[in-house]
C-alpha atoms as a PDB file:
ATOM      1  CA  MET A   1     -22.650  29.852 108.987  1.00  0.00           C
ATOM      2  CA  ASN A   2     -20.827  32.976 107.833  1.00  0.00           C
ATOM      3  CA  HIS A   3     -19.727  34.771 110.969  1.00  0.00           C
ATOM      4  CA  ALA A   4     -19.267  38.508 111.173  1.00  0.00           C
ATOM      5  CA  PHE A   5     -16.625  38.263 113.881  1.00  0.00           C
ATOM      6  CA  LEU A   6     -13.582  36.054 114.272  1.00  0.00           C
ATOM      7  CA  ASP A   7     -14.754  35.501 117.842  1.00  0.00           C
ATOM      8  CA  GLY A   8     -17.681  36.854 119.802  1.00  0.00           C
ATOM      9  CA  ASN A   9     -20.669  35.895 117.642  1.00  0.00           C
ATOM     10  CA  LYS A  10     -22.412  34.232 120.570  1.00  0.00           C
ATOM     11  CA  ARG A  11     -21.890  37.245 122.830  1.00  0.00           C
ATOM     12  CA  ILE A  12     -23.045  39.782 120.234  1.00  0.00           C
ATOM     13  CA  GLY A  13     -26.055  37.637 119.367  1.00  0.00           C
ATOM     14  CA  HIS A  14     -27.036  37.419 123.024  1.00  0.00           C
ATOM     15  CA  ALA A  15     -26.473  41.159 123.494  1.00  0.00           C
ATOM     16  CA  ALA A  16     -28.577  41.966 120.420  1.00  0.00           C
ATOM     17  CA  MET A  17     -31.384  39.775 121.746  1.00  0.00           C
ATOM     18  CA  GLU A  18     -31.281  41.532 125.112  1.00  0.00           C
ATOM     19  CA  VAL A  19     -31.267  44.996 123.536  1.00  0.00           C
ATOM     20  CA  PHE A  20     -34.223  44.043 121.327  1.00  0.00           C
ATOM     21  CA  LEU A  21     -36.169  42.767 124.325  1.00  0.00           C
ATOM     22  CA  VAL A  22     -35.379  45.832 126.474  1.00  0.00           C
ATOM     23  CA  LEU A  23     -36.366  48.208 123.670  1.00  0.00           C
ATOM     24  CA  ASN A  24     -39.692  46.384 123.567  1.00  0.00           C
ATOM     25  CA  GLY A  25     -40.215  46.446 127.348  1.00  0.00           C
ATOM     26  CA  TYR A  26     -38.965  42.972 128.299  1.00  0.00           C
ATOM     27  CA  GLU A  27     -35.940  41.281 129.804  1.00  0.00           C
ATOM     28  CA  ILE A  28     -34.644  37.739 130.226  1.00  0.00           C
ATOM     29  CA  ASP A  29     -35.468  36.319 133.654  1.00  0.00           C
ATOM     30  CA  ALA A  30     -32.891  33.539 134.012  1.00  0.00           C
ATOM     31  CA  PRO A  31     -29.534  33.172 135.742  1.00  0.00           C
ATOM     32  CA  VAL A  32     -26.506  34.186 133.678  1.00  0.00           C
ATOM     33  CA  ASP A  33     -25.158  30.617 133.792  1.00  0.00           C
ATOM     34  CA  GLU A  34     -28.396  29.265 132.331  1.00  0.00           C
ATOM     35  CA  GLN A  35     -28.385  31.912 129.606  1.00  0.00           C
ATOM     36  CA  GLU A  36     -24.800  30.997 128.753  1.00  0.00           C
ATOM     37  CA  ASP A  37     -25.657  27.287 128.568  1.00  0.00           C
ATOM     38  CA  VAL A  38     -28.590  27.971 126.250  1.00  0.00           C
ATOM     39  CA  ILE A  39     -26.560  30.202 123.914  1.00  0.00           C
ATOM     40  CA  LEU A  40     -23.704  27.685 123.776  1.00  0.00           C
ATOM     41  CA  SER A  41     -26.152  24.845 123.075  1.00  0.00           C
ATOM     42  CA  LEU A  42     -27.747  26.874 120.305  1.00  0.00           C
ATOM     43  CA  ALA A  43     -24.370  27.682 118.749  1.00  0.00           C
ATOM     44  CA  ALA A  44     -23.258  24.041 118.949  1.00  0.00           C
ATOM     45  CA  GLY A  45     -26.404  22.861 117.196  1.00  0.00           C
ATOM     46  CA  LYS A  46     -27.616  20.942 120.242  1.00  0.00           C
ATOM     47  CA  LEU A  47     -30.621  23.264 120.577  1.00  0.00           C
ATOM     48  CA  GLU A  48     -32.800  23.967 117.553  1.00  0.00           C
ATOM     49  CA  ARG A  49     -34.569  27.229 116.780  1.00  0.00           C
ATOM     50  CA  ASP A  50     -37.923  25.983 118.106  1.00  0.00           C
ATOM     51  CA  GLY A  51     -36.333  24.934 121.402  1.00  0.00           C
ATOM     52  CA  PHE A  52     -34.572  28.268 121.760  1.00  0.00           C
ATOM     53  CA  THR A  53     -37.763  30.168 120.969  1.00  0.00           C
ATOM     54  CA  GLU A  54     -39.631  28.181 123.589  1.00  0.00           C
ATOM     55  CA  TRP A  55     -36.885  28.850 126.168  1.00  0.00           C
ATOM     56  CA  VAL A  56     -37.067  32.599 125.481  1.00  0.00           C
ATOM     57  CA  ARG A  57     -40.868  32.552 125.801  1.00  0.00           C
ATOM     58  CA  LYS A  58     -40.565  30.872 129.187  1.00  0.00           C
ATOM     59  CA  HIS A  59     -37.843  33.210 130.463  1.00  0.00           C
ATOM     60  CA  PHE A  60     -38.781  36.738 129.525  1.00  0.00           C
ATOM     61  CA  LYS A  61     -40.736  39.160 131.637  1.00  0.00           C
ATOM     62  CA  SER A  62     -42.111  42.618 131.305  1.00  0.00           C
ATOM     63  CA  ILE A  63     -39.990  45.472 132.643  1.00  0.00           C
ATOM     64  CA  GLY A  64     -41.897  47.614 135.077  1.00  0.00           C
END
């Protein structure tokens, strides 16, 4: 639970995930509000790693 930033860990984590996906030819296919809810749930401990992984698998698509 050591955080690199005083504030913004959720945003930078989400941005890093998106960059990783784009660099590998994918993108998240979900409304911004849904993405925000998922990231906040993950950060609050309401969503476990397995649940988050499953959500990502269901919501990414190939670019192009």
